[in-house]
PDB file of all heavy atoms in Angstrom:
ATOM      1  N   GLU A   1      -1.980 -17.059  14.790  1.00  0.00           N
ATOM      2  CA  GLU A   1      -0.741 -17.598  14.228  1.00  0.00           C
ATOM      3  C   GLU A   1       0.450 -17.148  15.063  1.00  0.00           C
ATOM      4  O   GLU A   1       0.463 -16.039  15.596  1.00  0.00           O
ATOM      5  CB  GLU A   1      -0.559 -17.112  12.787  1.00  0.00           C
ATOM      6  CG  GLU A   1      -1.589 -17.656  11.822  1.00  0.00           C
ATOM      7  CD  GLU A   1      -1.128 -17.509  10.384  1.00  0.00           C
ATOM      8  OE1 GLU A   1       0.013 -17.902  10.094  1.00  0.00           O
ATOM      9  OE2 GLU A   1      -1.907 -17.003   9.571  1.00  0.00           O
ATOM     10  N   SER A   2       1.455 -17.998  15.163  1.00  0.00           N
ATOM     11  CA  SER A   2       2.680 -17.630  15.898  1.00  0.00           C
ATOM     12  C   SER A   2       3.667 -17.014  14.907  1.00  0.00           C
ATOM     13  O   SER A   2       4.761 -17.538  14.681  1.00  0.00           O
ATOM     14  CB  SER A   2       3.275 -18.856  16.579  1.00  0.00           C
ATOM     15  OG  SER A   2       3.510 -19.877  15.626  1.00  0.00           O
ATOM     16  N   LYS A   3       3.260 -15.897  14.314  1.00  0.00           N
ATOM     17  CA  LYS A   3       4.084 -15.216  13.312  1.00  0.00           C
ATOM     18  C   LYS A   3       4.171 -13.734  13.644  1.00  0.00           C
ATOM     19  O   LYS A   3       3.443 -13.222  14.483  1.00  0.00           O
ATOM     20  CB  LYS A   3       3.493 -15.412  11.909  1.00  0.00           C
ATOM     21  CG  LYS A   3       3.516 -16.860  11.449  1.00  0.00           C
ATOM     22  CD  LYS A   3       3.482 -16.966   9.937  1.00  0.00           C
ATOM     23  CE  LYS A   3       3.708 -18.412   9.517  1.00  0.00           C
ATOM     24  NZ  LYS A   3       4.161 -18.531   8.137  1.00  0.00           N
ATOM     25  N   MET A   4       5.073 -13.052  12.951  1.00  0.00           N
ATOM     26  CA  MET A   4       5.188 -11.602  13.036  1.00  0.00           C
ATOM     27  C   MET A   4       4.512 -10.992  11.823  1.00  0.00           C
ATOM     28  O   MET A   4       4.479 -11.605  10.751  1.00  0.00           O
ATOM     29  CB  MET A   4       6.655 -11.173  13.058  1.00  0.00           C
ATOM     30  CG  MET A   4       7.464 -11.713  14.222  1.00  0.00           C
ATOM     31  SD  MET A   4       7.032 -10.964  15.807  1.00  0.00           S
ATOM     32  CE  MET A   4       7.579  -9.268  15.579  1.00  0.00           C
ATOM     33  N   CYS A   5       3.983  -9.799  11.999  1.00  0.00           N
ATOM     34  CA  CYS A   5       3.309  -9.118  10.897  1.00  0.00           C
ATOM     35  C   CYS A   5       3.728  -7.648  10.884  1.00  0.00           C
ATOM     36  O   CYS A   5       3.753  -6.992  11.937  1.00  0.00           O
ATOM     37  CB  CYS A   5       1.801  -9.234  11.068  1.00  0.00           C
ATOM     38  SG  CYS A   5       0.868  -8.995   9.559  1.00  0.00           S
ATOM     39  N   VAL A   6       4.101  -7.150   9.703  1.00  0.00           N
ATOM     40  CA  VAL A   6       4.572  -5.770   9.541  1.00  0.00           C
ATOM     41  C   VAL A   6       3.742  -5.093   8.455  1.00  0.00           C
ATOM     42  O   VAL A   6       3.481  -5.687   7.399  1.00  0.00           O
ATOM     43  CB  VAL A   6       6.067  -5.739   9.158  1.00  0.00           C
ATOM     44  CG1 VAL A   6       6.520  -4.315   8.811  1.00  0.00           C
ATOM     45  CG2 VAL A   6       6.920  -6.294  10.288  1.00  0.00           C
ATOM     46  N   GLY A   7       3.328  -3.866   8.708  1.00  0.00           N
ATOM     47  CA  GLY A   7       2.582  -3.088   7.723  1.00  0.00           C
ATOM     48  C   GLY A   7       3.265  -1.769   7.440  1.00  0.00           C
ATOM     49  O   GLY A   7       3.607  -1.025   8.377  1.00  0.00           O
ATOM     50  N   VAL A   8       3.483  -1.462   6.166  1.00  0.00           N
ATOM     51  CA  VAL A   8       4.127  -0.215   5.746  1.00  0.00           C
ATOM     52  C   VAL A   8       3.100   0.627   4.990  1.00  0.00           C
ATOM     53  O   VAL A   8       2.561   0.192   3.968  1.00  0.00           O
ATOM     54  CB  VAL A   8       5.350  -0.481   4.843  1.00  0.00           C
ATOM     55  CG1 VAL A   8       5.995   0.833   4.417  1.00  0.00           C
ATOM     56  CG2 VAL A   8       6.352  -1.375   5.547  1.00  0.00           C
ATOM     57  N   VAL A   9       2.826   1.814   5.491  1.00  0.00           N
ATOM     58  CA  VAL A   9       1.872   2.708   4.838  1.00  0.00           C
ATOM     59  C   VAL A   9       2.537   3.390   3.651  1.00  0.00           C
ATOM     60  O   VAL A   9       3.644   3.936   3.773  1.00  0.00           O
ATOM     61  CB  VAL A   9       1.347   3.769   5.822  1.00  0.00           C
ATOM     62  CG1 VAL A   9       0.533   4.842   5.095  1.00  0.00           C
ATOM     63  CG2 VAL A   9       0.500   3.111   6.904  1.00  0.00           C
ATOM     64  N   VAL A  10       1.857   3.357   2.511  1.00  0.00           N
ATOM     65  CA  VAL A  10       2.285   4.119   1.337  1.00  0.00           C
ATOM     66  C   VAL A  10       1.310   5.290   1.192  1.00  0.00           C
ATOM     67  O   VAL A  10       0.103   5.081   1.052  1.00  0.00           O
ATOM     68  CB  VAL A  10       2.291   3.246   0.068  1.00  0.00           C
ATOM     69  CG1 VAL A  10       2.697   4.081  -1.147  1.00  0.00           C
ATOM     70  CG2 VAL A  10       3.246   2.063   0.243  1.00  0.00           C
ATOM     71  N   ALA A  11       1.838   6.501   1.268  1.00  0.00           N
ATOM     72  CA  ALA A  11       1.008   7.706   1.269  1.00  0.00           C
ATOM     73  C   ALA A  11       1.225   8.519   0.004  1.00  0.00           C
ATOM     74  O   ALA A  11       2.201   8.329  -0.727  1.00  0.00           O
ATOM     75  CB  ALA A  11       1.336   8.556   2.496  1.00  0.00           C
ATOM     76  N   SER A  12       0.309   9.441  -0.233  1.00  0.00           N
ATOM     77  CA  SER A  12       0.410  10.317  -1.401  1.00  0.00           C
ATOM     78  C   SER A  12       1.420  11.434  -1.152  1.00  0.00           C
ATOM     79  O   SER A  12       1.851  11.668  -0.012  1.00  0.00           O
ATOM     80  CB  SER A  12      -0.962  10.892  -1.752  1.00  0.00           C
ATOM     81  OG  SER A  12      -1.544  11.491  -0.620  1.00  0.00           O
ATOM     82  N   LYS A  13       1.782  12.134  -2.203  1.00  0.00           N
ATOM     83  CA  LYS A  13       2.912  13.075  -2.200  1.00  0.00           C
ATOM     84  C   LYS A  13       2.816  14.149  -1.121  1.00  0.00           C
ATOM     85  O   LYS A  13       3.806  14.442  -0.442  1.00  0.00           O
ATOM     86  CB  LYS A  13       3.007  13.741  -3.582  1.00  0.00           C
ATOM     87  CG  LYS A  13       4.159  14.722  -3.720  1.00  0.00           C
ATOM     88  CD  LYS A  13       4.206  15.363  -5.097  1.00  0.00           C
ATOM     89  CE  LYS A  13       3.036  16.311  -5.319  1.00  0.00           C
ATOM     90  NZ  LYS A  13       3.189  17.121  -6.555  1.00  0.00           N
ATOM     91  N   ASP A  14       1.675  14.751  -0.944  1.00  0.00           N
ATOM     92  CA  ASP A  14       1.550  15.905  -0.063  1.00  0.00           C
ATOM     93  C   ASP A  14       1.029  15.571   1.333  1.00  0.00           C
ATOM     94  O   ASP A  14       0.744  16.478   2.119  1.00  0.00           O
ATOM     95  CB  ASP A  14       0.642  16.952  -0.716  1.00  0.00           C
ATOM     96  CG  ASP A  14       1.216  17.470  -2.025  1.00  0.00           C
ATOM     97  OD1 ASP A  14       2.428  17.746  -2.068  1.00  0.00           O
ATOM     98  OD2 ASP A  14       0.457  17.578  -3.007  1.00  0.00           O
ATOM     99  N   TYR A  15       0.877  14.284   1.638  1.00  0.00           N
ATOM    100  CA  TYR A  15       0.419  13.884   2.965  1.00  0.00           C
ATOM    101  C   TYR A  15       1.500  14.194   4.001  1.00  0.00           C
ATOM    102  O   TYR A  15       2.675  13.995   3.735  1.00  0.00           O
ATOM    103  CB  TYR A  15       0.126  12.375   2.970  1.00  0.00           C
ATOM    104  CG  TYR A  15      -0.359  11.845   4.303  1.00  0.00           C
ATOM    105  CD1 TYR A  15      -1.655  12.074   4.731  1.00  0.00           C
ATOM    106  CD2 TYR A  15       0.501  11.123   5.144  1.00  0.00           C
ATOM    107  CE1 TYR A  15      -2.095  11.592   5.954  1.00  0.00           C
ATOM    108  CE2 TYR A  15       0.062  10.642   6.369  1.00  0.00           C
ATOM    109  CZ  TYR A  15      -1.235  10.876   6.768  1.00  0.00           C
ATOM    110  OH  TYR A  15      -1.666  10.398   7.977  1.00  0.00           O
ATOM    111  N   PRO A  16       1.176  14.726   5.189  1.00  0.00           N
ATOM    112  CA  PRO A  16      -0.160  14.983   5.728  1.00  0.00           C
ATOM    113  C   PRO A  16      -0.576  16.447   5.631  1.00  0.00           C
ATOM    114  O   PRO A  16      -1.453  16.890   6.367  1.00  0.00           O
ATOM    115  CB  PRO A  16       0.032  14.586   7.190  1.00  0.00           C
ATOM    116  CG  PRO A  16       1.438  15.047   7.492  1.00  0.00           C
ATOM    117  CD  PRO A  16       2.229  14.854   6.221  1.00  0.00           C
ATOM    118  N   PHE A  17       0.043  17.196   4.726  1.00  0.00           N
ATOM    119  CA  PHE A  17      -0.144  18.652   4.705  1.00  0.00           C
ATOM    120  C   PHE A  17      -1.375  19.091   3.913  1.00  0.00           C
ATOM    121  O   PHE A  17      -2.075  20.019   4.295  1.00  0.00           O
ATOM    122  CB  PHE A  17       1.115  19.314   4.135  1.00  0.00           C
ATOM    123  CG  PHE A  17       2.357  18.939   4.881  1.00  0.00           C
ATOM    124  CD1 PHE A  17       3.289  18.059   4.346  1.00  0.00           C
ATOM    125  CD2 PHE A  17       2.602  19.452   6.146  1.00  0.00           C
ATOM    126  CE1 PHE A  17       4.432  17.697   5.039  1.00  0.00           C
ATOM    127  CE2 PHE A  17       3.743  19.107   6.853  1.00  0.00           C
ATOM    128  CZ  PHE A  17       4.665  18.217   6.296  1.00  0.00           C
ATOM    129  N   LYS A  18      -1.636  18.424   2.793  1.00  0.00           N
ATOM    130  CA  LYS A  18      -2.787  18.818   1.964  1.00  0.00           C
ATOM    131  C   LYS A  18      -3.133  17.660   1.033  1.00  0.00           C
ATOM    132  O   LYS A  18      -2.409  16.669   0.935  1.00  0.00           O
ATOM    133  CB  LYS A  18      -2.468  20.073   1.155  1.00  0.00           C
ATOM    134  CG  LYS A  18      -1.305  19.908   0.179  1.00  0.00           C
ATOM    135  CD  LYS A  18      -1.045  21.192  -0.602  1.00  0.00           C
ATOM    136  CE  LYS A  18       0.094  21.006  -1.611  1.00  0.00           C
ATOM    137  NZ  LYS A  18       0.347  22.232  -2.395  1.00  0.00           N
ATOM    138  N   ASN A  19      -4.262  17.803   0.352  1.00  0.00           N
ATOM    139  CA  ASN A  19      -4.679  16.781  -0.604  1.00  0.00           C
ATOM    140  C   ASN A  19      -3.747  16.756  -1.794  1.00  0.00           C
ATOM    141  O   ASN A  19      -3.227  17.793  -2.221  1.00  0.00           O
ATOM    142  CB  ASN A  19      -6.109  17.044  -1.079  1.00  0.00           C
ATOM    143  CG  ASN A  19      -7.132  16.865   0.026  1.00  0.00           C
ATOM    144  OD1 ASN A  19      -6.913  16.075   0.951  1.00  0.00           O
ATOM    145  ND2 ASN A  19      -8.238  17.579  -0.039  1.00  0.00           N
ATOM    146  N   SER A  20      -3.523  15.578  -2.341  1.00  0.00           N
ATOM    147  CA  SER A  20      -2.647  15.399  -3.498  1.00  0.00           C
ATOM    148  C   SER A  20      -3.488  15.119  -4.739  1.00  0.00           C
ATOM    149  O   SER A  20      -4.613  14.622  -4.637  1.00  0.00           O
ATOM    150  CB  SER A  20      -1.684  14.232  -3.268  1.00  0.00           C
ATOM    151  OG  SER A  20      -0.970  14.398  -2.065  1.00  0.00           O
ATOM    152  N   PRO A  21      -2.954  15.395  -5.921  1.00  0.00           N
ATOM    153  CA  PRO A  21      -3.670  15.038  -7.149  1.00  0.00           C
ATOM    154  C   PRO A  21      -3.853  13.524  -7.243  1.00  0.00           C
ATOM    155  O   PRO A  21      -3.025  12.759  -6.744  1.00  0.00           O
ATOM    156  CB  PRO A  21      -2.739  15.541  -8.270  1.00  0.00           C
ATOM    157  CG  PRO A  21      -1.797  16.491  -7.613  1.00  0.00           C
ATOM    158  CD  PRO A  21      -1.667  16.060  -6.191  1.00  0.00           C
ATOM    159  N   LYS A  22      -4.932  13.095  -7.874  1.00  0.00           N
ATOM    160  CA  LYS A  22      -5.150  11.660  -8.082  1.00  0.00           C
ATOM    161  C   LYS A  22      -4.081  11.103  -9.012  1.00  0.00           C
ATOM    162  O   LYS A  22      -3.701  11.744  -9.993  1.00  0.00           O
ATOM    163  CB  LYS A  22      -6.536  11.403  -8.690  1.00  0.00           C
ATOM    164  CG  LYS A  22      -7.668  11.516  -7.697  1.00  0.00           C
ATOM    165  CD  LYS A  22      -8.964  11.002  -8.305  1.00  0.00           C
ATOM    166  CE  LYS A  22     -10.096  11.070  -7.294  1.00  0.00           C
ATOM    167  NZ  LYS A  22     -11.346  10.481  -7.817  1.00  0.00           N
ATOM    168  N   GLU A  23      -3.594   9.906  -8.665  1.00  0.00           N
ATOM    169  CA  GLU A  23      -2.555   9.262  -9.459  1.00  0.00           C
ATOM    170  C   GLU A  23      -2.914   7.798  -9.696  1.00  0.00           C
ATOM    171  O   GLU A  23      -3.363   7.107  -8.768  1.00  0.00           O
ATOM    172  CB  GLU A  23      -1.197   9.346  -8.745  1.00  0.00           C
ATOM    173  CG  GLU A  23      -0.668  10.758  -8.529  1.00  0.00           C
ATOM    174  CD  GLU A  23      -0.216  11.444  -9.806  1.00  0.00           C
ATOM    175  OE1 GLU A  23      -0.157  10.769 -10.851  1.00  0.00           O
ATOM    176  OE2 GLU A  23       0.080  12.658  -9.738  1.00  0.00           O
ATOM    177  N   LYS A  24      -2.707   7.340 -10.914  1.00  0.00           N
ATOM    178  CA  LYS A  24      -2.998   5.952 -11.254  1.00  0.00           C
ATOM    179  C   LYS A  24      -1.996   5.014 -10.572  1.00  0.00           C
ATOM    180  O   LYS A  24      -0.789   5.288 -10.538  1.00  0.00           O
ATOM    181  CB  LYS A  24      -2.924   5.767 -12.775  1.00  0.00           C
ATOM    182  CG  LYS A  24      -3.307   4.379 -13.254  1.00  0.00           C
ATOM    183  CD  LYS A  24      -3.243   4.325 -14.777  1.00  0.00           C
ATOM    184  CE  LYS A  24      -3.463   2.922 -15.298  1.00  0.00           C
ATOM    185  NZ  LYS A  24      -3.374   2.864 -16.774  1.00  0.00           N
ATOM    186  N   ILE A  25      -2.497   3.911 -10.014  1.00  0.00           N
ATOM    187  CA  ILE A  25      -1.662   2.943  -9.302  1.00  0.00           C
ATOM    188  C   ILE A  25      -1.427   1.717 -10.178  1.00  0.00           C
ATOM    189  O   ILE A  25      -2.355   1.178 -10.778  1.00  0.00           O
ATOM    190  CB  ILE A  25      -2.345   2.482  -7.994  1.00  0.00           C
ATOM    191  CG1 ILE A  25      -2.643   3.676  -7.083  1.00  0.00           C
ATOM    192  CG2 ILE A  25      -1.491   1.456  -7.263  1.00  0.00           C
ATOM    193  CD1 ILE A  25      -3.535   3.339  -5.908  1.00  0.00           C
ATOM    194  N   THR A  26      -0.182   1.293 -10.260  1.00  0.00           N
ATOM    195  CA  THR A  26       0.124   0.001 -10.887  1.00  0.00           C
ATOM    196  C   THR A  26       0.803  -0.886  -9.840  1.00  0.00           C
ATOM    197  O   THR A  26       1.585  -0.403  -9.018  1.00  0.00           O
ATOM    198  CB  THR A  26       1.047   0.152 -12.112  1.00  0.00           C
ATOM    199  OG1 THR A  26       2.275   0.762 -11.701  1.00  0.00           O
ATOM    200  CG2 THR A  26       0.398   1.007 -13.179  1.00  0.00           C
ATOM    201  N   ILE A  27       0.472  -2.165  -9.879  1.00  0.00           N
ATOM    202  CA  ILE A  27       1.016  -3.114  -8.913  1.00  0.00           C
ATOM    203  C   ILE A  27       1.535  -4.335  -9.657  1.00  0.00           C
ATOM    204  O   ILE A  27       0.787  -4.988 -10.395  1.00  0.00           O
ATOM    205  CB  ILE A  27      -0.051  -3.544  -7.885  1.00  0.00           C
ATOM    206  CG1 ILE A  27      -0.575  -2.310  -7.127  1.00  0.00           C
ATOM    207  CG2 ILE A  27       0.523  -4.564  -6.895  1.00  0.00           C
ATOM    208  CD1 ILE A  27      -1.769  -2.578  -6.251  1.00  0.00           C
ATOM    209  N   GLU A  28       2.817  -4.626  -9.474  1.00  0.00           N
ATOM    210  CA  GLU A  28       3.414  -5.794 -10.114  1.00  0.00           C
ATOM    211  C   GLU A  28       3.076  -7.049  -9.306  1.00  0.00           C
ATOM    212  O   GLU A  28       2.967  -7.006  -8.083  1.00  0.00           O
ATOM    213  CB  GLU A  28       4.941  -5.633 -10.180  1.00  0.00           C
ATOM    214  CG  GLU A  28       5.394  -4.422 -10.995  1.00  0.00           C
ATOM    215  CD  GLU A  28       6.882  -4.158 -10.807  1.00  0.00           C
ATOM    216  OE1 GLU A  28       7.532  -4.923 -10.071  1.00  0.00           O
ATOM    217  OE2 GLU A  28       7.378  -3.165 -11.376  1.00  0.00           O
ATOM    218  N   SER A  29       2.919  -8.168 -10.003  1.00  0.00           N
ATOM    219  CA  SER A  29       2.650  -9.435  -9.325  1.00  0.00           C
ATOM    220  C   SER A  29       3.904  -9.908  -8.598  1.00  0.00           C
ATOM    221  O   SER A  29       5.023  -9.767  -9.093  1.00  0.00           O
ATOM    222  CB  SER A  29       2.218 -10.501 -10.332  1.00  0.00           C
ATOM    223  OG  SER A  29       1.014 -10.114 -10.946  1.00  0.00           O
ATOM    224  N   LEU A  30       3.688 -10.479  -7.414  1.00  0.00           N
ATOM    225  CA  LEU A  30       4.794 -11.058  -6.667  1.00  0.00           C
ATOM    226  C   LEU A  30       4.859 -12.554  -6.931  1.00  0.00           C
ATOM    227  O   LEU A  30       3.869 -13.176  -7.307  1.00  0.00           O
ATOM    228  CB  LEU A  30       4.601 -10.816  -5.166  1.00  0.00           C
ATOM    229  CG  LEU A  30       4.591  -9.365  -4.697  1.00  0.00           C
ATOM    230  CD1 LEU A  30       4.492  -9.332  -3.181  1.00  0.00           C
ATOM    231  CD2 LEU A  30       5.830  -8.618  -5.148  1.00  0.00           C
ATOM    232  N   LYS A  31       6.024 -13.136  -6.709  1.00  0.00           N
ATOM    233  CA  LYS A  31       6.144 -14.577  -6.917  1.00  0.00           C
ATOM    234  C   LYS A  31       5.287 -15.319  -5.895  1.00  0.00           C
ATOM    235  O   LYS A  31       5.072 -14.845  -4.779  1.00  0.00           O
ATOM    236  CB  LYS A  31       7.604 -15.015  -6.796  1.00  0.00           C
ATOM    237  CG  LYS A  31       8.209 -14.844  -5.412  1.00  0.00           C
ATOM    238  CD  LYS A  31       9.662 -15.326  -5.400  1.00  0.00           C
ATOM    239  CE  LYS A  31      10.237 -15.195  -3.990  1.00  0.00           C
ATOM    240  NZ  LYS A  31      11.633 -15.621  -3.920  1.00  0.00           N
ATOM    241  N   GLU A  32       4.788 -16.464  -6.283  1.00  0.00           N
ATOM    242  CA  GLU A  32       3.923 -17.261  -5.417  1.00  0.00           C
ATOM    243  C   GLU A  32       4.657 -17.653  -4.145  1.00  0.00           C
ATOM    244  O   GLU A  32       5.859 -17.900  -4.146  1.00  0.00           O
ATOM    245  CB  GLU A  32       3.452 -18.514  -6.162  1.00  0.00           C
ATOM    246  CG  GLU A  32       2.449 -18.190  -7.234  1.00  0.00           C
ATOM    247  CD  GLU A  32       1.355 -19.258  -7.321  1.00  0.00           C
ATOM    248  OE1 GLU A  32       1.215 -20.048  -6.383  1.00  0.00           O
ATOM    249  OE2 GLU A  32       0.668 -19.274  -8.326  1.00  0.00           O
ATOM    250  N   GLY A  33       3.897 -17.684  -3.043  1.00  0.00           N
ATOM    251  CA  GLY A  33       4.488 -18.083  -1.771  1.00  0.00           C
ATOM    252  C   GLY A  33       4.975 -16.920  -0.939  1.00  0.00           C
ATOM    253  O   GLY A  33       5.303 -17.096   0.228  1.00  0.00           O
ATOM    254  N   THR A  34       5.035 -15.713  -1.513  1.00  0.00           N
ATOM    255  CA  THR A  34       5.427 -14.537  -0.736  1.00  0.00           C
ATOM    256  C   THR A  34       4.300 -14.193   0.231  1.00  0.00           C
ATOM    257  O   THR A  34       3.171 -13.970  -0.188  1.00  0.00           O
ATOM    258  CB  THR A  34       5.711 -13.333  -1.651  1.00  0.00           C
ATOM    259  OG1 THR A  34       6.706 -13.693  -2.597  1.00  0.00           O
ATOM    260  CG2 THR A  34       6.189 -12.141  -0.841  1.00  0.00           C
ATOM    261  N   GLU A  35       4.625 -14.166   1.522  1.00  0.00           N
ATOM    262  CA  GLU A  35       3.584 -13.915   2.521  1.00  0.00           C
ATOM    263  C   GLU A  35       3.357 -12.419   2.681  1.00  0.00           C
ATOM    264  O   GLU A  35       3.816 -11.799   3.642  1.00  0.00           O
ATOM    265  CB  GLU A  35       3.966 -14.562   3.857  1.00  0.00           C
ATOM    266  CG  GLU A  35       3.670 -16.047   3.909  1.00  0.00           C
ATOM    267  CD  GLU A  35       3.453 -16.526   5.331  1.00  0.00           C
ATOM    268  OE1 GLU A  35       4.453 -16.770   6.003  1.00  0.00           O
ATOM    269  OE2 GLU A  35       2.295 -16.646   5.746  1.00  0.00           O
ATOM    270  N   SER A  36       2.675 -11.834   1.710  1.00  0.00           N
ATOM    271  CA  SER A  36       2.385 -10.414   1.778  1.00  0.00           C
ATOM    272  C   SER A  36       1.110 -10.111   1.014  1.00  0.00           C
ATOM    273  O   SER A  36       0.690 -10.877   0.149  1.00  0.00           O
ATOM    274  CB  SER A  36       3.555  -9.585   1.236  1.00  0.00           C
ATOM    275  OG  SER A  36       3.763  -9.872  -0.126  1.00  0.00           O
ATOM    276  N   HIS A  37       0.510  -8.987   1.344  1.00  0.00           N
ATOM    277  CA  HIS A  37      -0.684  -8.541   0.630  1.00  0.00           C
ATOM    278  C   HIS A  37      -0.821  -7.033   0.829  1.00  0.00           C
ATOM    279  O   HIS A  37      -0.044  -6.419   1.576  1.00  0.00           O
ATOM    280  CB  HIS A  37      -1.936  -9.268   1.129  1.00  0.00           C
ATOM    281  CG  HIS A  37      -2.305  -8.929   2.544  1.00  0.00           C
ATOM    282  ND1 HIS A  37      -1.861  -9.652   3.622  1.00  0.00           N
ATOM    283  CD2 HIS A  37      -3.066  -7.921   3.064  1.00  0.00           C
ATOM    284  CE1 HIS A  37      -2.329  -9.118   4.739  1.00  0.00           C
ATOM    285  NE2 HIS A  37      -3.058  -8.067   4.429  1.00  0.00           N
ATOM    286  N   ILE A  38      -1.817  -6.457   0.176  1.00  0.00           N
ATOM    287  CA  ILE A  38      -2.074  -5.018   0.284  1.00  0.00           C
ATOM    288  C   ILE A  38      -3.453  -4.797   0.879  1.00  0.00           C
ATOM    289  O   ILE A  38      -4.425  -5.443   0.474  1.00  0.00           O
ATOM    290  CB  ILE A  38      -1.988  -4.333  -1.090  1.00  0.00           C
ATOM    291  CG1 ILE A  38      -0.553  -4.400  -1.632  1.00  0.00           C
ATOM    292  CG2 ILE A  38      -2.447  -2.878  -1.003  1.00  0.00           C
ATOM    293  CD1 ILE A  38      -0.407  -3.892  -3.053  1.00  0.00           C
ATOM    294  N   SER A  39      -3.541  -3.902   1.849  1.00  0.00           N
ATOM    295  CA  SER A  39      -4.822  -3.404   2.339  1.00  0.00           C
ATOM    296  C   SER A  39      -5.011  -1.996   1.788  1.00  0.00           C
ATOM    297  O   SER A  39      -4.192  -1.109   2.051  1.00  0.00           O
ATOM    298  CB  SER A  39      -4.859  -3.391   3.871  1.00  0.00           C
ATOM    299  OG  SER A  39      -5.028  -4.692   4.386  1.00  0.00           O
ATOM    300  N   PHE A  40      -6.067  -1.804   1.028  1.00  0.00           N
ATOM    301  CA  PHE A  40      -6.292  -0.537   0.339  1.00  0.00           C
ATOM    302  C   PHE A  40      -7.098   0.427   1.206  1.00  0.00           C
ATOM    303  O   PHE A  40      -8.015   0.025   1.916  1.00  0.00           O
ATOM    304  CB  PHE A  40      -7.021  -0.782  -0.974  1.00  0.00           C
ATOM    305  CG  PHE A  40      -6.196  -1.528  -1.995  1.00  0.00           C
ATOM    306  CD1 PHE A  40      -6.293  -2.903  -2.119  1.00  0.00           C
ATOM    307  CD2 PHE A  40      -5.317  -0.846  -2.823  1.00  0.00           C
ATOM    308  CE1 PHE A  40      -5.529  -3.598  -3.048  1.00  0.00           C
ATOM    309  CE2 PHE A  40      -4.550  -1.519  -3.754  1.00  0.00           C
ATOM    310  CZ  PHE A  40      -4.661  -2.902  -3.865  1.00  0.00           C
ATOM    311  N   ALA A  41      -6.740   1.702   1.126  1.00  0.00           N
ATOM    312  CA  ALA A  41      -7.394   2.728   1.947  1.00  0.00           C
ATOM    313  C   ALA A  41      -7.890   3.888   1.071  1.00  0.00           C
ATOM    314  O   ALA A  41      -9.015   3.884   0.607  1.00  0.00           O
ATOM    315  CB  ALA A  41      -6.434   3.217   3.016  1.00  0.00           C
ATOM    316  N   GLY A  42      -7.009   4.876   0.835  1.00  0.00           N
ATOM    317  CA  GLY A  42      -7.409   6.060   0.072  1.00  0.00           C
ATOM    318  C   GLY A  42      -7.318   5.840  -1.422  1.00  0.00           C
ATOM    319  O   GLY A  42      -6.461   6.425  -2.092  1.00  0.00           O
ATOM    320  N   VAL A  43      -8.197   4.984  -1.948  1.00  0.00           N
ATOM    321  CA  VAL A  43      -8.182   4.678  -3.379  1.00  0.00           C
ATOM    322  C   VAL A  43      -9.581   4.820  -3.955  1.00  0.00           C
ATOM    323  O   VAL A  43     -10.585   4.578  -3.282  1.00  0.00           O
ATOM    324  CB  VAL A  43      -7.654   3.251  -3.671  1.00  0.00           C
ATOM    325  CG1 VAL A  43      -6.204   3.112  -3.223  1.00  0.00           C
ATOM    326  CG2 VAL A  43      -8.513   2.185  -2.998  1.00  0.00           C
ATOM    327  N   SER A  44      -9.640   5.227  -5.206  1.00  0.00           N
ATOM    328  CA  SER A  44     -10.895   5.257  -5.955  1.00  0.00           C
ATOM    329  C   SER A  44     -10.727   4.421  -7.206  1.00  0.00           C
ATOM    330  O   SER A  44      -9.601   4.146  -7.637  1.00  0.00           O
ATOM    331  CB  SER A  44     -11.276   6.696  -6.323  1.00  0.00           C
ATOM    332  OG  SER A  44     -10.227   7.323  -7.051  1.00  0.00           O
TER     333      SER A  44
END
C-alpha cells in the first residue's frame, strides 16, 4: 500500500526496570472507518 503506518507501544508501569503487577485491560470501540488496530504482545 502507498500509505504511512505508525505504531505506538503501550508498556506496563515498571517497564523496562522490572516486572509489573498484572492489570486488567479495557478497550473502547472506535468509530467505523478508523484505520487503526492493536497488535497484542505481553497479555494473558
